[in-house]
Amino acid sequence: MPRAHLIVIFAVALAIPLLGIAQENDQGKRTSDASSAQTTAPQADKSCDARSVLMTFEIDRDGLAVREVPIWRLGDSAPYFFATGMTIDADGSPNAYNAENTGLDDLANAGQPGHWDGVLQDAAGNPLVQGPDDPFPGYYISCTSLADRTKRPLDPTRFVDASKIPYVVLPREVAWESGTRLGDLAVVMNMRSGAWSYAIFADVGTFGEGSIALADNLGIRSDARRGGTWGGVFYLVFPGSGNGQPRPVDEINDAAGKAFQEWGGADRLNSCAASEAPPAWPWYR
């Protein structure tokens, strides 16, 4: 869905704790814990030395190019990673948007009359409204690109609820170039705190965007109207790791965890995140 692109700012020296290996809670949230050592598969390579540029993504603002962000992979492997900021996506939440603009997110982020992106529309192009038996009667039916095809087309629960499911958003061109499909899995790290979370690729849109639930897991302000962060977020994506369907949090954690350990686990995550951090960050030196 269209949003103002955020400029990634890494040059400011910050007091940031050492990145550590994380522990999981029942919501899939990870918190930094340097003492919780061996979560990596013993045979997995833990270095990030053999990285190469898969592609670059141009961030623009008001139609003007601001910065190019490199997207990396290790050797010829499919997983890739990049560092940028995070804007907050409320799409898929049944209370994301309404006509009064009192939902979780600003209605402008769902589009505008004649060009809606974040809500379902009728044949005349008007947003569809939830009925009395739906989760939030009177609210628009907010949608994500990933949907449960076993549910009826106008069921608000057909889509991935941003307030409950940690998900990432990728631009169409990044997904296409990398071979990433909706439902594939990811690991996202808050480089400032070391907190990290598993996630699912559930929406096509802005570069550097995550769901409300993902931001909560990372300790990032999750208000879809005023939250997010300018930089310091590391995204690791596993193309081909999904099944093309939404999943509950426990299934996301199980499937993403296996892909993560095969890739190299927390030690390699820390190594690659350090390679993307500015020299001014204490743990990078």
C-alpha atoms as a PDB file:
ATOM      1  CA  MET A   1       0.000   0.000   0.000  1.00  0.00           C
ATOM      2  CA  PRO A   2       1.367   3.484  -0.793  1.00  0.00           C
ATOM      3  CA  ARG A   3       3.231   5.201   2.029  1.00  0.00           C
ATOM      4  CA  ALA A   4       5.841   7.887   2.351  1.00  0.00           C
ATOM      5  CA  HIS A   5       9.268   6.231   2.073  1.00  0.00           C
ATOM      6  CA  LEU A   6      11.467   6.670   5.109  1.00  0.00           C
ATOM      7  CA  ILE A   7      15.080   7.778   4.786  1.00  0.00           C
ATOM      8  CA  VAL A   8      17.400   5.373   6.510  1.00  0.00           C
ATOM      9  CA  ILE A   9      19.663   7.202   8.931  1.00  0.00           C
ATOM     10  CA  PHE A  10      22.581   5.244  10.298  1.00  0.00           C
ATOM     11  CA  ALA A  11      25.261   7.949  10.749  1.00  0.00           C
ATOM     12  CA  VAL A  12      24.334   9.026  14.286  1.00  0.00           C
ATOM     13  CA  ALA A  13      26.360   7.408  17.023  1.00  0.00           C
ATOM     14  CA  LEU A  14      24.055   5.487  19.314  1.00  0.00           C
ATOM     15  CA  ALA A  15      24.495   3.739  22.622  1.00  0.00           C
ATOM     16  CA  ILE A  16      23.532   0.248  21.617  1.00  0.00           C
ATOM     17  CA  PRO A  17      23.977  -2.923  23.634  1.00  0.00           C
ATOM     18  CA  LEU A  18      25.895  -5.866  22.292  1.00  0.00           C
ATOM     19  CA  LEU A  19      23.775  -8.009  20.000  1.00  0.00           C
ATOM     20  CA  GLY A  20      23.114 -11.337  21.640  1.00  0.00           C
ATOM     21  CA  ILE A  21      21.490 -14.615  20.977  1.00  0.00           C
ATOM     22  CA  ALA A  22      17.817 -14.471  21.768  1.00  0.00           C
ATOM     23  CA  GLN A  23      15.267 -16.483  23.619  1.00  0.00           C
ATOM     24  CA  GLU A  24      11.690 -17.119  22.530  1.00  0.00           C
ATOM     25  CA  ASN A  25       8.466 -16.407  24.374  1.00  0.00           C
ATOM     26  CA  ASP A  26       5.019 -17.797  23.597  1.00  0.00           C
ATOM     27  CA  GLN A  27       4.292 -15.091  20.986  1.00  0.00           C
ATOM     28  CA  GLY A  28       7.422 -15.751  18.964  1.00  0.00           C
ATOM     29  CA  LYS A  29       9.128 -12.659  20.385  1.00  0.00           C
ATOM     30  CA  ARG A  30      12.895 -12.706  20.807  1.00  0.00           C
ATOM     31  CA  THR A  31      14.819 -10.668  23.325  1.00  0.00           C
ATOM     32  CA  SER A  32      18.563 -10.142  23.479  1.00  0.00           C
ATOM     33  CA  ASP A  33      20.365 -12.571  25.760  1.00  0.00           C
ATOM     34  CA  ALA A  34      24.057 -13.051  25.136  1.00  0.00           C
ATOM     35  CA  SER A  35      24.236 -15.911  27.609  1.00  0.00           C
ATOM     36  CA  SER A  36      21.708 -18.155  25.844  1.00  0.00           C
ATOM     37  CA  ALA A  37      24.429 -19.516  23.647  1.00  0.00           C
ATOM     38  CA  GLN A  38      24.218 -22.504  21.366  1.00  0.00           C
ATOM     39  CA  THR A  39      21.061 -22.186  19.250  1.00  0.00           C
ATOM     40  CA  THR A  40      22.931 -22.623  15.988  1.00  0.00           C
ATOM     41  CA  ALA A  41      23.242 -25.929  14.199  1.00  0.00           C
ATOM     42  CA  PRO A  42      26.795 -27.192  14.843  1.00  0.00           C
ATOM     43  CA  GLN A  43      27.526 -27.723  11.147  1.00  0.00           C
ATOM     44  CA  ALA A  44      26.192 -24.344  10.003  1.00  0.00           C
ATOM     45  CA  ASP A  45      28.576 -21.660   8.760  1.00  0.00           C
ATOM     46  CA  LYS A  46      28.444 -18.727  11.170  1.00  0.00           C
ATOM     47  CA  SER A  47      30.323 -16.160   9.119  1.00  0.00           C
ATOM     48  CA  CYS A  48      29.003 -13.483   6.786  1.00  0.00           C
ATOM     49  CA  ASP A  49      32.147 -13.113   4.705  1.00  0.00           C
ATOM     50  CA  ALA A  50      30.953 -14.489   1.358  1.00  0.00           C
ATOM     51  CA  ARG A  51      28.167 -12.017   0.758  1.00  0.00           C
ATOM     52  CA  SER A  52      27.376 -10.555  -2.648  1.00  0.00           C
ATOM     53  CA  VAL A  53      24.827  -8.017  -3.861  1.00  0.00           C
ATOM     54  CA  LEU A  54      21.644  -9.626  -5.137  1.00  0.00           C
ATOM     55  CA  MET A  55      20.139  -6.280  -6.151  1.00  0.00           C
ATOM     56  CA  THR A  56      19.792  -2.720  -4.914  1.00  0.00           C
ATOM     57  CA  PHE A  57      16.545  -1.002  -4.017  1.00  0.00           C
ATOM     58  CA  GLU A  58      16.174   2.715  -4.603  1.00  0.00           C
ATOM     59  CA  ILE A  59      14.409   4.622  -1.865  1.00  0.00           C
ATOM     60  CA  ASP A  60      12.780   7.768  -3.100  1.00  0.00           C
ATOM     61  CA  ARG A  61      10.866  10.637  -1.594  1.00  0.00           C
ATOM     62  CA  ASP A  62       8.444  12.822  -3.499  1.00  0.00           C
ATOM     63  CA  GLY A  63       9.638  11.179  -6.692  1.00  0.00           C
ATOM     64  CA  LEU A  64      13.322  11.919  -6.045  1.00  0.00           C
ATOM     65  CA  ALA A  65      15.906   9.206  -5.374  1.00  0.00           C
ATOM     66  CA  VAL A  66      17.260   9.474  -1.840  1.00  0.00           C
ATOM     67  CA  ARG A  67      19.326   6.354  -1.273  1.00  0.00           C
ATOM     68  CA  GLU A  68      20.061   2.915  -2.678  1.00  0.00           C
ATOM     69  CA  VAL A  69      19.876   0.018  -0.220  1.00  0.00           C
ATOM     70  CA  PRO A  70      21.922  -3.081  -1.098  1.00  0.00           C
ATOM     71  CA  ILE A  71      20.184  -6.430  -0.756  1.00  0.00           C
ATOM     72  CA  TRP A  72      22.709  -9.159   0.018  1.00  0.00           C
ATOM     73  CA  ARG A  73      22.928 -12.916  -0.130  1.00  0.00           C
ATOM     74  CA  LEU A  74      25.647 -15.377   0.858  1.00  0.00           C
ATOM     75  CA  GLY A  75      27.191 -17.116  -2.127  1.00  0.00           C
ATOM     76  CA  ASP A  76      24.546 -18.667  -4.347  1.00  0.00           C
ATOM     77  CA  SER A  77      22.119 -19.376  -1.501  1.00  0.00           C
ATOM     78  CA  ALA A  78      18.524 -18.223  -1.771  1.00  0.00           C
ATOM     79  CA  PRO A  79      18.162 -16.356   1.555  1.00  0.00           C
ATOM     80  CA  TYR A  80      18.895 -12.639   1.376  1.00  0.00           C
ATOM     81  CA  PHE A  81      19.107  -9.745   3.804  1.00  0.00           C
ATOM     82  CA  PHE A  82      19.118  -5.967   4.037  1.00  0.00           C
ATOM     83  CA  ALA A  83      18.994  -3.220   6.652  1.00  0.00           C
ATOM     84  CA  THR A  84      16.640  -0.256   6.611  1.00  0.00           C
ATOM     85  CA  GLY A  85      13.893   1.259   8.778  1.00  0.00           C
ATOM     86  CA  MET A  86      10.377   0.061   9.519  1.00  0.00           C
ATOM     87  CA  THR A  87       7.025   1.671   8.910  1.00  0.00           C
ATOM     88  CA  ILE A  88       4.021   0.024  10.546  1.00  0.00           C
ATOM     89  CA  ASP A  89       1.347  -1.819   8.583  1.00  0.00           C
ATOM     90  CA  ALA A  90      -2.139  -2.336  10.042  1.00  0.00           C
ATOM     91  CA  ASP A  91      -3.565  -4.058   6.961  1.00  0.00           C
ATOM     92  CA  GLY A  92      -5.529  -7.223   7.623  1.00  0.00           C
ATOM     93  CA  SER A  93      -6.652  -6.032  11.058  1.00  0.00           C
ATOM     94  CA  PRO A  94     -10.444  -5.915  11.089  1.00  0.00           C
ATOM     95  CA  ASN A  95     -10.350  -2.547  12.888  1.00  0.00           C
ATOM     96  CA  ALA A  96      -7.688  -0.976  10.660  1.00  0.00           C
ATOM     97  CA  TYR A  97      -9.896   1.495   8.731  1.00  0.00           C
ATOM     98  CA  ASN A  98     -13.332   3.083   8.805  1.00  0.00           C
ATOM     99  CA  ALA A  99     -15.122   6.043   7.244  1.00  0.00           C
ATOM    100  CA  GLU A 100     -14.594   8.200  10.353  1.00  0.00           C
ATOM    101  CA  ASN A 101     -10.844   7.577  10.194  1.00  0.00           C
ATOM    102  CA  THR A 102     -10.738   6.315  13.787  1.00  0.00           C
ATOM    103  CA  GLY A 103      -9.211   2.907  12.998  1.00  0.00           C
ATOM    104  CA  LEU A 104      -5.749   1.670  13.830  1.00  0.00           C
ATOM    105  CA  ASP A 105      -4.285   3.380  10.772  1.00  0.00           C
ATOM    106  CA  ASP A 106      -4.871   6.594   8.869  1.00  0.00           C
ATOM    107  CA  LEU A 107      -7.405   5.995   6.114  1.00  0.00           C
ATOM    108  CA  ALA A 108      -5.052   7.681   3.649  1.00  0.00           C
ATOM    109  CA  ASN A 109      -2.793   4.647   3.934  1.00  0.00           C
ATOM    110  CA  ALA A 110      -5.571   2.467   2.508  1.00  0.00           C
ATOM    111  CA  GLY A 111      -5.759   4.615  -0.627  1.00  0.00           C
ATOM    112  CA  GLN A 112      -8.371   7.083  -1.738  1.00  0.00           C
ATOM    113  CA  PRO A 113     -11.715   7.088  -3.595  1.00  0.00           C
ATOM    114  CA  GLY A 114     -11.171   5.510  -6.967  1.00  0.00           C
ATOM    115  CA  HIS A 115      -7.873   3.943  -5.939  1.00  0.00           C
ATOM    116  CA  TRP A 116      -8.167   1.837  -2.782  1.00  0.00           C
ATOM    117  CA  ASP A 117      -5.325  -0.572  -1.967  1.00  0.00           C
ATOM    118  CA  GLY A 118      -5.789  -1.626   1.650  1.00  0.00           C
ATOM    119  CA  VAL A 119      -9.521  -2.396   1.692  1.00  0.00           C
ATOM    120  CA  LEU A 120     -11.919  -4.488  -0.377  1.00  0.00           C
ATOM    121  CA  GLN A 121     -14.229  -2.630  -2.767  1.00  0.00           C
ATOM    122  CA  ASP A 122     -17.584  -3.213  -4.413  1.00  0.00           C
ATOM    123  CA  ALA A 123     -18.165  -3.075  -8.173  1.00  0.00           C
ATOM    124  CA  ALA A 124     -18.466   0.726  -8.018  1.00  0.00           C
ATOM    125  CA  GLY A 125     -15.105   1.087  -6.262  1.00  0.00           C
ATOM    126  CA  ASN A 126     -16.540   1.850  -2.805  1.00  0.00           C
ATOM    127  CA  PRO A 127     -14.989   0.254   0.319  1.00  0.00           C
ATOM    128  CA  LEU A 128     -16.904  -2.737   1.598  1.00  0.00           C
ATOM    129  CA  VAL A 129     -18.172  -2.483   5.181  1.00  0.00           C
ATOM    130  CA  GLN A 130     -18.281  -5.292   7.754  1.00  0.00           C
ATOM    131  CA  GLY A 131     -21.701  -6.548   8.737  1.00  0.00           C
ATOM    132  CA  PRO A 132     -23.218  -7.238  12.163  1.00  0.00           C
ATOM    133  CA  ASP A 133     -21.724 -10.733  12.395  1.00  0.00           C
ATOM    134  CA  ASP A 134     -18.207  -9.621  11.480  1.00  0.00           C
ATOM    135  CA  PRO A 135     -15.479  -8.726  14.036  1.00  0.00           C
ATOM    136  CA  PHE A 136     -15.875  -4.917  13.715  1.00  0.00           C
ATOM    137  CA  PRO A 137     -19.253  -3.984  12.218  1.00  0.00           C
ATOM    138  CA  GLY A 138     -19.102  -0.697  10.319  1.00  0.00           C
ATOM    139  CA  TYR A 139     -15.360  -0.907   9.684  1.00  0.00           C
ATOM    140  CA  TYR A 140     -13.987  -1.506   6.216  1.00  0.00           C
ATOM    141  CA  ILE A 141     -12.738  -4.974   5.279  1.00  0.00           C
ATOM    142  CA  SER A 142      -8.985  -4.499   5.368  1.00  0.00           C
ATOM    143  CA  CYS A 143      -7.015  -6.908   3.197  1.00  0.00           C
ATOM    144  CA  THR A 144      -3.495  -8.242   2.791  1.00  0.00           C
ATOM    145  CA  SER A 145      -1.949  -9.724  -0.324  1.00  0.00           C
ATOM    146  CA  LEU A 146      -1.753 -13.099   1.433  1.00  0.00           C
ATOM    147  CA  ALA A 147      -5.182 -14.561   2.120  1.00  0.00           C
ATOM    148  CA  ASP A 148      -6.728 -17.810   3.328  1.00  0.00           C
ATOM    149  CA  ARG A 149      -8.335 -19.159   0.169  1.00  0.00           C
ATOM    150  CA  THR A 150     -10.432 -21.627   2.164  1.00  0.00           C
ATOM    151  CA  LYS A 151     -12.561 -18.765   3.556  1.00  0.00           C
ATOM    152  CA  ARG A 152     -15.260 -16.809   1.757  1.00  0.00           C
ATOM    153  CA  PRO A 153     -13.996 -13.808  -0.242  1.00  0.00           C
ATOM    154  CA  LEU A 154     -15.649 -11.202   2.006  1.00  0.00           C
ATOM    155  CA  ASP A 155     -14.681 -12.782   5.324  1.00  0.00           C
ATOM    156  CA  PRO A 156     -12.529 -10.221   7.224  1.00  0.00           C
ATOM    157  CA  THR A 157     -10.666 -13.105   8.897  1.00  0.00           C
ATOM    158  CA  ARG A 158      -9.525 -14.336   5.473  1.00  0.00           C
ATOM    159  CA  PHE A 159      -6.602 -11.914   5.658  1.00  0.00           C
ATOM    160  CA  VAL A 160      -3.486 -11.759   7.867  1.00  0.00           C
ATOM    161  CA  ASP A 161      -4.281  -9.710  10.968  1.00  0.00           C
ATOM    162  CA  ALA A 162      -1.445  -7.210  11.484  1.00  0.00           C
ATOM    163  CA  SER A 163      -2.303  -6.831  15.155  1.00  0.00           C
ATOM    164  CA  LYS A 164      -1.787 -10.556  15.835  1.00  0.00           C
ATOM    165  CA  ILE A 165       0.623 -11.946  13.223  1.00  0.00           C
ATOM    166  CA  PRO A 166       4.231 -10.764  12.766  1.00  0.00           C
ATOM    167  CA  TYR A 167       4.590 -10.157   9.053  1.00  0.00           C
ATOM    168  CA  VAL A 168       6.832  -8.301   6.644  1.00  0.00           C
ATOM    169  CA  VAL A 169       5.963  -6.269   3.546  1.00  0.00           C
ATOM    170  CA  LEU A 170       8.088  -6.422   0.386  1.00  0.00           C
ATOM    171  CA  PRO A 171       7.903  -4.384  -2.812  1.00  0.00           C
ATOM    172  CA  ARG A 172       6.756  -6.350  -5.842  1.00  0.00           C
ATOM    173  CA  GLU A 173      10.080  -5.907  -7.615  1.00  0.00           C
ATOM    174  CA  VAL A 174      12.085  -7.239  -4.668  1.00  0.00           C
ATOM    175  CA  ALA A 175       9.855 -10.293  -4.355  1.00  0.00           C
ATOM    176  CA  TRP A 176      10.027 -10.943  -8.091  1.00  0.00           C
ATOM    177  CA  GLU A 177      13.793 -10.527  -8.420  1.00  0.00           C
ATOM    178  CA  SER A 178      14.545 -12.682  -5.368  1.00  0.00           C
ATOM    179  CA  GLY A 179      11.999 -15.411  -6.050  1.00  0.00           C
ATOM    180  CA  THR A 180      10.106 -14.675  -2.849  1.00  0.00           C
ATOM    181  CA  ARG A 181       6.459 -15.718  -2.734  1.00  0.00           C
ATOM    182  CA  LEU A 182       3.664 -14.740  -0.391  1.00  0.00           C
ATOM    183  CA  GLY A 183       3.763 -16.982   2.660  1.00  0.00           C
ATOM    184  CA  ASP A 184       7.556 -17.265   2.705  1.00  0.00           C
ATOM    185  CA  LEU A 185       9.273 -16.748   6.033  1.00  0.00           C
ATOM    186  CA  ALA A 186      11.688 -14.242   7.521  1.00  0.00           C
ATOM    187  CA  VAL A 187      13.675 -13.231  10.582  1.00  0.00           C
ATOM    188  CA  VAL A 188      13.698  -9.557  11.550  1.00  0.00           C
ATOM    189  CA  MET A 189      16.054  -7.955  14.084  1.00  0.00           C
ATOM    190  CA  ASN A 190      16.005  -4.648  15.918  1.00  0.00           C
ATOM    191  CA  MET A 191      19.700  -3.813  15.566  1.00  0.00           C
ATOM    192  CA  ARG A 192      19.546  -1.309  18.431  1.00  0.00           C
ATOM    193  CA  SER A 193      18.379  -3.769  21.068  1.00  0.00           C
ATOM    194  CA  GLY A 194      19.184  -7.176  19.574  1.00  0.00           C
ATOM    195  CA  ALA A 195      15.537  -8.280  19.829  1.00  0.00           C
ATOM    196  CA  TRP A 196      14.415 -10.422  16.900  1.00  0.00           C
ATOM    197  CA  SER A 197      11.318 -12.200  15.674  1.00  0.00           C
ATOM    198  CA  TYR A 198      10.213 -14.713  13.092  1.00  0.00           C
ATOM    199  CA  ALA A 199       7.734 -13.383  10.526  1.00  0.00           C
ATOM    200  CA  ILE A 200       5.799 -14.255   7.379  1.00  0.00           C
ATOM    201  CA  PHE A 201       5.719 -12.357   4.069  1.00  0.00           C
ATOM    202  CA  ALA A 202       2.062 -11.311   3.948  1.00  0.00           C
ATOM    203  CA  ASP A 203       1.734  -8.038   2.034  1.00  0.00           C
ATOM    204  CA  VAL A 204       3.140  -6.388  -1.072  1.00  0.00           C
ATOM    205  CA  GLY A 205       3.966  -2.713  -0.727  1.00  0.00           C
ATOM    206  CA  THR A 206       6.553  -0.478   0.899  1.00  0.00           C
ATOM    207  CA  PHE A 207      10.208  -1.386   1.338  1.00  0.00           C
ATOM    208  CA  GLY A 208      10.980  -1.662   5.043  1.00  0.00           C
ATOM    209  CA  GLU A 209       7.550  -2.262   6.545  1.00  0.00           C
ATOM    210  CA  GLY A 210       6.214  -4.666   9.154  1.00  0.00           C
ATOM    211  CA  SER A 211       3.005  -5.480  10.952  1.00  0.00           C
ATOM    212  CA  ILE A 212       1.906  -4.131  14.313  1.00  0.00           C
ATOM    213  CA  ALA A 213       2.623  -7.522  15.902  1.00  0.00           C
ATOM    214  CA  LEU A 214       6.126  -7.638  14.426  1.00  0.00           C
ATOM    215  CA  ALA A 215       6.943  -4.184  15.777  1.00  0.00           C
ATOM    216  CA  ASP A 216       5.664  -5.240  19.199  1.00  0.00           C
ATOM    217  CA  ASN A 217       7.979  -8.267  19.135  1.00  0.00           C
ATOM    218  CA  LEU A 218      10.943  -6.056  18.255  1.00  0.00           C
ATOM    219  CA  GLY A 219      10.275  -3.354  20.830  1.00  0.00           C
ATOM    220  CA  ILE A 220       9.563  -0.798  18.096  1.00  0.00           C
ATOM    221  CA  ARG A 221       6.699   1.662  18.550  1.00  0.00           C
ATOM    222  CA  SER A 222       3.833  -0.154  16.838  1.00  0.00           C
ATOM    223  CA  ASP A 223       1.309   2.658  16.386  1.00  0.00           C
ATOM    224  CA  ALA A 224       0.437   2.460  12.672  1.00  0.00           C
ATOM    225  CA  ARG A 225      -0.183   6.218  12.588  1.00  0.00           C
ATOM    226  CA  ARG A 226       2.905   7.491  14.416  1.00  0.00           C
ATOM    227  CA  GLY A 227       5.149   4.512  15.090  1.00  0.00           C
ATOM    228  CA  GLY A 228       8.052   2.849  13.320  1.00  0.00           C
ATOM    229  CA  THR A 229      11.713   3.740  13.128  1.00  0.00           C
ATOM    230  CA  TRP A 230      13.966   5.480  10.625  1.00  0.00           C
ATOM    231  CA  GLY A 231      16.619   2.770  10.582  1.00  0.00           C
ATOM    232  CA  GLY A 232      18.330  -0.022  12.475  1.00  0.00           C
ATOM    233  CA  VAL A 233      16.134  -2.926  11.350  1.00  0.00           C
ATOM    234  CA  PHE A 234      17.669  -6.021   9.755  1.00  0.00           C
ATOM    235  CA  TYR A 235      15.541  -8.247   7.499  1.00  0.00           C
ATOM    236  CA  LEU A 236      16.489 -11.829   6.554  1.00  0.00           C
ATOM    237  CA  VAL A 237      14.136 -13.519   4.063  1.00  0.00           C
ATOM    238  CA  PHE A 238      13.932 -17.185   3.033  1.00  0.00           C
ATOM    239  CA  PRO A 239      12.523 -17.587  -0.512  1.00  0.00           C
ATOM    240  CA  GLY A 240      10.697 -20.868  -1.050  1.00  0.00           C
ATOM    241  CA  SER A 241      10.193 -21.490   2.672  1.00  0.00           C
ATOM    242  CA  GLY A 242       6.412 -21.002   2.790  1.00  0.00           C
ATOM    243  CA  ASN A 243       3.328 -22.848   1.595  1.00  0.00           C
ATOM    244  CA  GLY A 244       1.434 -19.895   0.105  1.00  0.00           C
ATOM    245  CA  GLN A 245      -1.003 -19.783   3.012  1.00  0.00           C
ATOM    246  CA  PRO A 246      -1.380 -17.715   6.198  1.00  0.00           C
ATOM    247  CA  ARG A 247      -0.188 -19.486   9.338  1.00  0.00           C
ATOM    248  CA  PRO A 248      -0.679 -19.099  13.085  1.00  0.00           C
ATOM    249  CA  VAL A 249       2.240 -17.776  15.090  1.00  0.00           C
ATOM    250  CA  ASP A 250       3.401 -21.176  16.360  1.00  0.00           C
ATOM    251  CA  GLU A 251       3.630 -22.566  12.818  1.00  0.00           C
ATOM    252  CA  ILE A 252       5.507 -19.487  11.635  1.00  0.00           C
ATOM    253  CA  ASN A 253       7.979 -19.920  14.480  1.00  0.00           C
ATOM    254  CA  ASP A 254       8.486 -23.645  13.834  1.00  0.00           C
ATOM    255  CA  ALA A 255       8.951 -23.359  10.068  1.00  0.00           C
ATOM    256  CA  ALA A 256      11.031 -20.175  10.169  1.00  0.00           C
ATOM    257  CA  GLY A 257      13.139 -21.597  12.990  1.00  0.00           C
ATOM    258  CA  LYS A 258      14.157 -24.577  10.887  1.00  0.00           C
ATOM    259  CA  ALA A 259      15.094 -22.388   7.924  1.00  0.00           C
ATOM    260  CA  PHE A 260      16.976 -20.048  10.250  1.00  0.00           C
ATOM    261  CA  GLN A 261      19.091 -22.794  11.808  1.00  0.00           C
ATOM    262  CA  GLU A 262      19.941 -24.255   8.405  1.00  0.00           C
ATOM    263  CA  TRP A 263      21.115 -20.810   7.322  1.00  0.00           C
ATOM    264  CA  GLY A 264      23.395 -20.355  10.311  1.00  0.00           C
ATOM    265  CA  GLY A 265      21.246 -19.273  13.230  1.00  0.00           C
ATOM    266  CA  ALA A 266      21.755 -16.429  15.664  1.00  0.00           C
ATOM    267  CA  ASP A 267      25.565 -16.287  15.360  1.00  0.00           C
ATOM    268  CA  ARG A 268      25.398 -15.701  11.622  1.00  0.00           C
ATOM    269  CA  LEU A 269      22.505 -13.275  12.094  1.00  0.00           C
ATOM    270  CA  ASN A 270      24.633 -11.202  14.449  1.00  0.00           C
ATOM    271  CA  SER A 271      27.595 -11.355  12.078  1.00  0.00           C
ATOM    272  CA  CYS A 272      25.558 -10.182   9.080  1.00  0.00           C
ATOM    273  CA  ALA A 273      23.773  -7.508  11.109  1.00  0.00           C
ATOM    274  CA  ALA A 274      27.153  -6.197  12.270  1.00  0.00           C
ATOM    275  CA  SER A 275      28.286  -5.979   8.634  1.00  0.00           C
ATOM    276  CA  GLU A 276      25.361  -3.643   7.948  1.00  0.00           C
ATOM    277  CA  ALA A 277      25.883  -1.356  10.950  1.00  0.00           C
ATOM    278  CA  PRO A 278      27.789   1.960  10.801  1.00  0.00           C
ATOM    279  CA  PRO A 279      31.278   1.960  12.370  1.00  0.00           C
ATOM    280  CA  ALA A 280      30.041   4.410  15.029  1.00  0.00           C
ATOM    281  CA  TRP A 281      27.922   1.690  16.646  1.00  0.00           C
ATOM    282  CA  PRO A 282      29.905   0.394  19.661  1.00  0.00           C
ATOM    283  CA  TRP A 283      29.367  -3.357  19.182  1.00  0.00           C
ATOM    284  CA  TYR A 284      30.348  -3.066  15.517  1.00  0.00           C
ATOM    285  CA  ARG A 285      33.881  -1.976  16.491  1.00  0.00           C
END
